């Protein structure tokens, strides 16, 4: 699985050099973690498969909510693209 950090400009995953390199290197999946509602919606629209989500209000390592972003950014979502 290839895990990477991406910006949302010019995302056309099926034709990017990164996707081709990942295939050549034998990767089977590309994983994207989205901390923004906007990026999560973009990944879903591009056909990525949602595999997990964690609401910020549920992440309390010491009993306190750590992240308090503005609405509509309420959760982290993870997606995969099967190569």
PDB file of N, CA and C in Angstrom:
ATOM      1  N   UNK A   1       0.847  -1.163   0.000  1.00  0.00           N
ATOM      2  CA  UNK A   1       0.000   0.000   0.000  1.00  0.00           C
ATOM      3  C   UNK A   1       0.895   1.228   0.000  1.00  0.00           C
ATOM      4  N   UNK A   2       0.626   2.148  -0.887  1.00  0.00           N
ATOM      5  CA  UNK A   2       1.337   3.417  -0.942  1.00  0.00           C
ATOM      6  C   UNK A   2       0.515   4.441  -0.188  1.00  0.00           C
ATOM      7  N   UNK A   3       1.114   5.092   0.785  1.00  0.00           N
ATOM      8  CA  UNK A   3       0.453   6.142   1.537  1.00  0.00           C
ATOM      9  C   UNK A   3       1.157   7.442   1.213  1.00  0.00           C
ATOM     10  N   UNK A   4       0.377   8.481   0.879  1.00  0.00           N
ATOM     11  CA  UNK A   4       1.003   9.721   0.425  1.00  0.00           C
ATOM     12  C   UNK A   4       0.219  10.938   0.890  1.00  0.00           C
ATOM     13  N   UNK A   5       0.880  12.076   0.821  1.00  0.00           N
ATOM     14  CA  UNK A   5       0.291  13.356   1.166  1.00  0.00           C
ATOM     15  C   UNK A   5       0.044  14.107  -0.128  1.00  0.00           C
ATOM     16  N   UNK A   6      -1.185  14.538  -0.343  1.00  0.00           N
ATOM     17  CA  UNK A   6      -1.553  15.165  -1.608  1.00  0.00           C
ATOM     18  C   UNK A   6      -2.229  16.501  -1.394  1.00  0.00           C
ATOM     19  N   UNK A   7      -2.097  17.367  -2.381  1.00  0.00           N
ATOM     20  CA  UNK A   7      -2.908  18.571  -2.459  1.00  0.00           C
ATOM     21  C   UNK A   7      -4.071  18.277  -3.385  1.00  0.00           C
ATOM     22  N   UNK A   8      -5.064  19.131  -3.399  1.00  0.00           N
ATOM     23  CA  UNK A   8      -6.240  18.855  -4.213  1.00  0.00           C
ATOM     24  C   UNK A   8      -6.194  19.475  -5.606  1.00  0.00           C
ATOM     25  N   UNK A   9      -5.097  20.042  -6.000  1.00  0.00           N
ATOM     26  CA  UNK A   9      -5.033  20.627  -7.337  1.00  0.00           C
ATOM     27  C   UNK A   9      -4.820  19.550  -8.381  1.00  0.00           C
ATOM     28  N   UNK A  10      -5.552  19.643  -9.451  1.00  0.00           N
ATOM     29  CA  UNK A  10      -5.369  18.772 -10.617  1.00  0.00           C
ATOM     30  C   UNK A  10      -5.353  17.288 -10.276  1.00  0.00           C
ATOM     31  N   UNK A  11      -6.265  16.868  -9.443  1.00  0.00           N
ATOM     32  CA  UNK A  11      -6.325  15.443  -9.097  1.00  0.00           C
ATOM     33  C   UNK A  11      -7.063  14.684 -10.191  1.00  0.00           C
ATOM     34  N   UNK A  12      -6.330  13.927 -10.931  1.00  0.00           N
ATOM     35  CA  UNK A  12      -6.908  12.978 -11.871  1.00  0.00           C
ATOM     36  C   UNK A  12      -6.093  11.714 -11.686  1.00  0.00           C
ATOM     37  N   UNK A  13      -6.460  10.938 -10.692  1.00  0.00           N
ATOM     38  CA  UNK A  13      -5.617   9.857 -10.200  1.00  0.00           C
ATOM     39  C   UNK A  13      -5.275   8.821 -11.238  1.00  0.00           C
ATOM     40  N   UNK A  14      -6.179   8.551 -12.136  1.00  0.00           N
ATOM     41  CA  UNK A  14      -5.932   7.464 -13.066  1.00  0.00           C
ATOM     42  C   UNK A  14      -4.813   7.784 -14.039  1.00  0.00           C
ATOM     43  N   UNK A  15      -4.454   9.039 -14.202  1.00  0.00           N
ATOM     44  CA  UNK A  15      -3.445   9.382 -15.208  1.00  0.00           C
ATOM     45  C   UNK A  15      -2.203  10.049 -14.627  1.00  0.00           C
ATOM     46  N   UNK A  16      -2.070  10.076 -13.326  1.00  0.00           N
ATOM     47  CA  UNK A  16      -0.909  10.735 -12.741  1.00  0.00           C
ATOM     48  C   UNK A  16       0.320   9.844 -12.784  1.00  0.00           C
ATOM     49  N   UNK A  17       1.458  10.482 -12.816  1.00  0.00           N
ATOM     50  CA  UNK A  17       2.727   9.750 -12.809  1.00  0.00           C
ATOM     51  C   UNK A  17       2.877   8.937 -11.527  1.00  0.00           C
ATOM     52  N   UNK A  18       2.388   9.479 -10.405  1.00  0.00           N
ATOM     53  CA  UNK A  18       2.499   8.769  -9.137  1.00  0.00           C
ATOM     54  C   UNK A  18       1.785   7.423  -9.199  1.00  0.00           C
ATOM     55  N   UNK A  19       0.628   7.395  -9.803  1.00  0.00           N
ATOM     56  CA  UNK A  19      -0.135   6.158  -9.909  1.00  0.00           C
ATOM     57  C   UNK A  19       0.614   5.149 -10.773  1.00  0.00           C
ATOM     58  N   UNK A  20       1.194   5.603 -11.849  1.00  0.00           N
ATOM     59  CA  UNK A  20       1.956   4.710 -12.728  1.00  0.00           C
ATOM     60  C   UNK A  20       3.198   4.163 -12.025  1.00  0.00           C
ATOM     61  N   UNK A  21       3.888   5.025 -11.287  1.00  0.00           N
ATOM     62  CA  UNK A  21       5.073   4.581 -10.546  1.00  0.00           C
ATOM     63  C   UNK A  21       4.678   3.552  -9.490  1.00  0.00           C
ATOM     64  N   UNK A  22       3.574   3.810  -8.796  1.00  0.00           N
ATOM     65  CA  UNK A  22       3.103   2.867  -7.778  1.00  0.00           C
ATOM     66  C   UNK A  22       2.823   1.500  -8.403  1.00  0.00           C
ATOM     67  N   UNK A  23       2.174   1.494  -9.558  1.00  0.00           N
ATOM     68  CA  UNK A  23       1.895   0.226 -10.253  1.00  0.00           C
ATOM     69  C   UNK A  23       3.193  -0.482 -10.629  1.00  0.00           C
ATOM     70  N   UNK A  24       4.136   0.286 -11.185  1.00  0.00           N
ATOM     71  CA  UNK A  24       5.420  -0.292 -11.594  1.00  0.00           C
ATOM     72  C   UNK A  24       6.176  -0.893 -10.411  1.00  0.00           C
ATOM     73  N   UNK A  25       6.033  -0.288  -9.246  1.00  0.00           N
ATOM     74  CA  UNK A  25       6.721  -0.763  -8.050  1.00  0.00           C
ATOM     75  C   UNK A  25       5.974  -1.909  -7.362  1.00  0.00           C
ATOM     76  N   UNK A  26       4.834  -2.282  -7.896  1.00  0.00           N
ATOM     77  CA  UNK A  26       4.100  -3.419  -7.362  1.00  0.00           C
ATOM     78  C   UNK A  26       3.089  -3.107  -6.268  1.00  0.00           C
ATOM     79  N   UNK A  27       2.802  -1.820  -6.046  1.00  0.00           N
ATOM     80  CA  UNK A  27       1.793  -1.472  -5.044  1.00  0.00           C
ATOM     81  C   UNK A  27       0.413  -1.881  -5.534  1.00  0.00           C
ATOM     82  N   UNK A  28      -0.441  -2.292  -4.622  1.00  0.00           N
ATOM     83  CA  UNK A  28      -1.805  -2.699  -4.955  1.00  0.00           C
ATOM     84  C   UNK A  28      -2.840  -1.650  -4.562  1.00  0.00           C
ATOM     85  N   UNK A  29      -2.469  -0.782  -3.610  1.00  0.00           N
ATOM     86  CA  UNK A  29      -3.392   0.234  -3.102  1.00  0.00           C
ATOM     87  C   UNK A  29      -2.685   1.568  -2.945  1.00  0.00           C
ATOM     88  N   UNK A  30      -3.455   2.647  -3.093  1.00  0.00           N
ATOM     89  CA  UNK A  30      -3.008   3.973  -2.673  1.00  0.00           C
ATOM     90  C   UNK A  30      -3.987   4.404  -1.592  1.00  0.00           C
ATOM     91  N   UNK A  31      -3.462   4.855  -0.461  1.00  0.00           N
ATOM     92  CA  UNK A  31      -4.295   5.271   0.666  1.00  0.00           C
ATOM     93  C   UNK A  31      -4.181   6.776   0.846  1.00  0.00           C
ATOM     94  N   UNK A  32      -5.325   7.400   1.128  1.00  0.00           N
ATOM     95  CA  UNK A  32      -5.368   8.835   1.390  1.00  0.00           C
ATOM     96  C   UNK A  32      -6.160   9.050   2.672  1.00  0.00           C
ATOM     97  N   UNK A  33      -5.596   9.813   3.618  1.00  0.00           N
ATOM     98  CA  UNK A  33      -6.293  10.199   4.843  1.00  0.00           C
ATOM     99  C   UNK A  33      -6.709  11.653   4.695  1.00  0.00           C
ATOM    100  N   UNK A  34      -7.985  11.930   4.854  1.00  0.00           N
ATOM    101  CA  UNK A  34      -8.520  13.279   4.651  1.00  0.00           C
ATOM    102  C   UNK A  34      -8.976  13.877   5.977  1.00  0.00           C
ATOM    103  N   UNK A  35      -8.351  14.968   6.377  1.00  0.00           N
ATOM    104  CA  UNK A  35      -8.748  15.656   7.603  1.00  0.00           C
ATOM    105  C   UNK A  35      -9.749  16.769   7.313  1.00  0.00           C
ATOM    106  N   UNK A  36     -10.005  17.024   6.057  1.00  0.00           N
ATOM    107  CA  UNK A  36     -10.939  18.057   5.625  1.00  0.00           C
ATOM    108  C   UNK A  36     -12.153  17.413   4.964  1.00  0.00           C
ATOM    109  N   UNK A  37     -13.322  17.934   5.241  1.00  0.00           N
ATOM    110  CA  UNK A  37     -14.540  17.471   4.591  1.00  0.00           C
ATOM    111  C   UNK A  37     -14.449  17.665   3.078  1.00  0.00           C
ATOM    112  N   UNK A  38     -13.821  18.752   2.656  1.00  0.00           N
ATOM    113  CA  UNK A  38     -13.716  19.047   1.228  1.00  0.00           C
ATOM    114  C   UNK A  38     -12.851  18.017   0.508  1.00  0.00           C
ATOM    115  N   UNK A  39     -11.716  17.660   1.094  1.00  0.00           N
ATOM    116  CA  UNK A  39     -10.854  16.661   0.455  1.00  0.00           C
ATOM    117  C   UNK A  39     -11.514  15.282   0.483  1.00  0.00           C
ATOM    118  N   UNK A  40     -12.243  14.964   1.542  1.00  0.00           N
ATOM    119  CA  UNK A  40     -12.949  13.676   1.610  1.00  0.00           C
ATOM    120  C   UNK A  40     -14.008  13.586   0.515  1.00  0.00           C
ATOM    121  N   UNK A  41     -14.730  14.659   0.304  1.00  0.00           N
ATOM    122  CA  UNK A  41     -15.736  14.660  -0.765  1.00  0.00           C
ATOM    123  C   UNK A  41     -15.078  14.521  -2.130  1.00  0.00           C
ATOM    124  N   UNK A  42     -13.926  15.167  -2.308  1.00  0.00           N
ATOM    125  CA  UNK A  42     -13.210  15.067  -3.584  1.00  0.00           C
ATOM    126  C   UNK A  42     -12.753  13.635  -3.835  1.00  0.00           C
ATOM    127  N   UNK A  43     -12.231  12.968  -2.811  1.00  0.00           N
ATOM    128  CA  UNK A  43     -11.776  11.584  -2.971  1.00  0.00           C
ATOM    129  C   UNK A  43     -12.945  10.663  -3.322  1.00  0.00           C
ATOM    130  N   UNK A  44     -14.074  10.854  -2.655  1.00  0.00           N
ATOM    131  CA  UNK A  44     -15.258  10.040  -2.950  1.00  0.00           C
ATOM    132  C   UNK A  44     -15.716  10.273  -4.385  1.00  0.00           C
ATOM    133  N   UNK A  45     -15.696  11.530  -4.812  1.00  0.00           N
ATOM    134  CA  UNK A  45     -16.115  11.865  -6.179  1.00  0.00           C
ATOM    135  C   UNK A  45     -15.179  11.245  -7.217  1.00  0.00           C
ATOM    136  N   UNK A  46     -13.904  11.123  -6.879  1.00  0.00           N
ATOM    137  CA  UNK A  46     -12.930  10.523  -7.791  1.00  0.00           C
ATOM    138  C   UNK A  46     -13.013   8.996  -7.824  1.00  0.00           C
ATOM    139  N   UNK A  47     -13.830   8.431  -6.946  1.00  0.00           N
ATOM    140  CA  UNK A  47     -14.009   6.989  -6.959  1.00  0.00           C
ATOM    141  C   UNK A  47     -13.210   6.227  -5.923  1.00  0.00           C
ATOM    142  N   UNK A  48     -12.573   6.939  -5.000  1.00  0.00           N
ATOM    143  CA  UNK A  48     -11.859   6.259  -3.926  1.00  0.00           C
ATOM    144  C   UNK A  48     -12.867   5.576  -3.009  1.00  0.00           C
ATOM    145  N   UNK A  49     -12.466   4.464  -2.423  1.00  0.00           N
ATOM    146  CA  UNK A  49     -13.317   3.698  -1.520  1.00  0.00           C
ATOM    147  C   UNK A  49     -13.047   4.127  -0.079  1.00  0.00           C
ATOM    148  N   UNK A  50     -14.098   4.537   0.626  1.00  0.00           N
ATOM    149  CA  UNK A  50     -13.971   4.914   2.035  1.00  0.00           C
ATOM    150  C   UNK A  50     -13.776   3.651   2.866  1.00  0.00           C
ATOM    151  N   UNK A  51     -12.711   3.636   3.697  1.00  0.00           N
ATOM    152  CA  UNK A  51     -12.429   2.436   4.497  1.00  0.00           C
ATOM    153  C   UNK A  51     -12.526   2.673   6.001  1.00  0.00           C
ATOM    154  N   UNK A  52     -12.453   3.940   6.439  1.00  0.00           N
ATOM    155  CA  UNK A  52     -12.600   4.206   7.875  1.00  0.00           C
ATOM    156  C   UNK A  52     -12.847   5.684   8.109  1.00  0.00           C
ATOM    157  N   UNK A  53     -13.390   5.967   9.281  1.00  0.00           N
ATOM    158  CA  UNK A  53     -13.592   7.358   9.684  1.00  0.00           C
ATOM    159  C   UNK A  53     -13.508   7.450  11.198  1.00  0.00           C
ATOM    160  N   UNK A  54     -13.038   8.600  11.664  1.00  0.00           N
ATOM    161  CA  UNK A  54     -12.944   8.858  13.094  1.00  0.00           C
ATOM    162  C   UNK A  54     -13.383  10.293  13.337  1.00  0.00           C
ATOM    163  N   UNK A  55     -14.451  10.448  14.091  1.00  0.00           N
ATOM    164  CA  UNK A  55     -14.935  11.789  14.413  1.00  0.00           C
ATOM    165  C   UNK A  55     -13.966  12.447  15.389  1.00  0.00           C
ATOM    166  N   UNK A  56     -13.693  13.733  15.155  1.00  0.00           N
ATOM    167  CA  UNK A  56     -12.775  14.458  16.032  1.00  0.00           C
ATOM    168  C   UNK A  56     -13.258  14.437  17.478  1.00  0.00           C
ATOM    169  N   UNK A  57     -14.567  14.514  17.680  1.00  0.00           N
ATOM    170  CA  UNK A  57     -15.102  14.529  19.046  1.00  0.00           C
ATOM    171  C   UNK A  57     -14.880  13.202  19.773  1.00  0.00           C
ATOM    172  N   UNK A  58     -14.623  12.138  19.020  1.00  0.00           N
ATOM    173  CA  UNK A  58     -14.375  10.830  19.631  1.00  0.00           C
ATOM    174  C   UNK A  58     -12.900  10.566  19.915  1.00  0.00           C
ATOM    175  N   UNK A  59     -12.026  11.435  19.427  1.00  0.00           N
ATOM    176  CA  UNK A  59     -10.591  11.252  19.646  1.00  0.00           C
ATOM    177  C   UNK A  59     -10.187  12.008  20.910  1.00  0.00           C
ATOM    178  N   UNK A  60     -10.078  11.288  22.017  1.00  0.00           N
ATOM    179  CA  UNK A  60      -9.788  11.873  23.331  1.00  0.00           C
ATOM    180  C   UNK A  60      -8.702  11.055  24.025  1.00  0.00           C
ATOM    181  N   UNK A  61      -7.436  11.187  23.601  1.00  0.00           N
ATOM    182  CA  UNK A  61      -6.386  10.351  24.192  1.00  0.00           C
ATOM    183  C   UNK A  61      -6.191  10.554  25.692  1.00  0.00           C
ATOM    184  N   UNK A  62      -6.438  11.746  26.203  1.00  0.00           N
ATOM    185  CA  UNK A  62      -6.306  12.009  27.644  1.00  0.00           C
ATOM    186  C   UNK A  62      -7.627  12.480  28.239  1.00  0.00           C
ATOM    187  N   UNK A  63      -8.722  12.045  27.628  1.00  0.00           N
ATOM    188  CA  UNK A  63     -10.034  12.433  28.123  1.00  0.00           C
ATOM    189  C   UNK A  63     -10.533  13.759  27.586  1.00  0.00           C
ATOM    190  N   UNK A  64      -9.726  14.437  26.769  1.00  0.00           N
ATOM    191  CA  UNK A  64     -10.128  15.722  26.199  1.00  0.00           C
ATOM    192  C   UNK A  64     -10.077  15.657  24.682  1.00  0.00           C
ATOM    193  N   UNK A  65     -11.009  16.382  24.051  1.00  0.00           N
ATOM    194  CA  UNK A  65     -11.005  16.463  22.597  1.00  0.00           C
ATOM    195  C   UNK A  65      -9.763  17.236  22.171  1.00  0.00           C
ATOM    196  N   UNK A  66      -8.972  16.657  21.287  1.00  0.00           N
ATOM    197  CA  UNK A  66      -7.711  17.259  20.854  1.00  0.00           C
ATOM    198  C   UNK A  66      -7.922  18.248  19.719  1.00  0.00           C
ATOM    199  N   UNK A  67      -8.708  17.852  18.723  1.00  0.00           N
ATOM    200  CA  UNK A  67      -8.909  18.679  17.533  1.00  0.00           C
ATOM    201  C   UNK A  67     -10.317  19.242  17.526  1.00  0.00           C
ATOM    202  N   UNK A  68     -10.430  20.550  17.292  1.00  0.00           N
ATOM    203  CA  UNK A  68     -11.728  21.212  17.252  1.00  0.00           C
ATOM    204  C   UNK A  68     -11.815  22.104  16.014  1.00  0.00           C
ATOM    205  N   UNK A  69     -11.772  21.500  14.824  1.00  0.00           N
ATOM    206  CA  UNK A  69     -11.839  22.310  13.613  1.00  0.00           C
ATOM    207  C   UNK A  69     -13.248  22.860  13.394  1.00  0.00           C
ATOM    208  N   UNK A  70     -13.333  23.866  12.544  1.00  0.00           N
ATOM    209  CA  UNK A  70     -14.614  24.487  12.220  1.00  0.00           C
ATOM    210  C   UNK A  70     -15.480  23.533  11.396  1.00  0.00           C
ATOM    211  N   UNK A  71     -16.786  23.658  11.543  1.00  0.00           N
ATOM    212  CA  UNK A  71     -17.728  22.903  10.730  1.00  0.00           C
ATOM    213  C   UNK A  71     -17.494  23.264   9.267  1.00  0.00           C
ATOM    214  N   UNK A  72     -17.541  22.359   8.347  1.00  0.00           N
ATOM    215  CA  UNK A  72     -18.049  21.002   8.341  1.00  0.00           C
ATOM    216  C   UNK A  72     -16.975  19.936   8.529  1.00  0.00           C
ATOM    217  N   UNK A  73     -15.816  20.310   9.018  1.00  0.00           N
ATOM    218  CA  UNK A  73     -14.695  19.369   9.172  1.00  0.00           C
ATOM    219  C   UNK A  73     -14.820  18.665  10.520  1.00  0.00           C
ATOM    220  N   UNK A  74     -15.591  17.580  10.539  1.00  0.00           N
ATOM    221  CA  UNK A  74     -15.938  16.914  11.794  1.00  0.00           C
ATOM    222  C   UNK A  74     -15.246  15.572  12.003  1.00  0.00           C
ATOM    223  N   UNK A  75     -14.515  15.088  10.974  1.00  0.00           N
ATOM    224  CA  UNK A  75     -13.911  13.763  11.086  1.00  0.00           C
ATOM    225  C   UNK A  75     -12.746  13.601  10.122  1.00  0.00           C
ATOM    226  N   UNK A  76     -11.939  12.601  10.407  1.00  0.00           N
ATOM    227  CA  UNK A  76     -10.879  12.161   9.495  1.00  0.00           C
ATOM    228  C   UNK A  76     -11.424  10.940   8.768  1.00  0.00           C
ATOM    229  N   UNK A  77     -11.283  10.932   7.445  1.00  0.00           N
ATOM    230  CA  UNK A  77     -11.728   9.782   6.653  1.00  0.00           C
ATOM    231  C   UNK A  77     -10.544   9.223   5.888  1.00  0.00           C
ATOM    232  N   UNK A  78     -10.465   7.909   5.825  1.00  0.00           N
ATOM    233  CA  UNK A  78      -9.423   7.230   5.053  1.00  0.00           C
ATOM    234  C   UNK A  78     -10.058   6.567   3.840  1.00  0.00           C
ATOM    235  N   UNK A  79      -9.352   6.682   2.716  1.00  0.00           N
ATOM    236  CA  UNK A  79      -9.819   6.126   1.448  1.00  0.00           C
ATOM    237  C   UNK A  79      -8.707   5.313   0.814  1.00  0.00           C
ATOM    238  N   UNK A  80      -9.084   4.366  -0.040  1.00  0.00           N
ATOM    239  CA  UNK A  80      -8.101   3.643  -0.841  1.00  0.00           C
ATOM    240  C   UNK A  80      -8.519   3.658  -2.309  1.00  0.00           C
ATOM    241  N   UNK A  81      -7.513   3.583  -3.162  1.00  0.00           N
ATOM    242  CA  UNK A  81      -7.689   3.415  -4.603  1.00  0.00           C
ATOM    243  C   UNK A  81      -6.974   2.123  -4.951  1.00  0.00           C
ATOM    244  N   UNK A  82      -7.707   1.181  -5.491  1.00  0.00           N
ATOM    245  CA  UNK A  82      -7.119  -0.110  -5.859  1.00  0.00           C
ATOM    246  C   UNK A  82      -6.505   0.000  -7.249  1.00  0.00           C
ATOM    247  N   UNK A  83      -5.222  -0.294  -7.324  1.00  0.00           N
ATOM    248  CA  UNK A  83      -4.508  -0.181  -8.599  1.00  0.00           C
ATOM    249  C   UNK A  83      -4.717  -1.408  -9.466  1.00  0.00           C
TER     250      UNK A  83
END
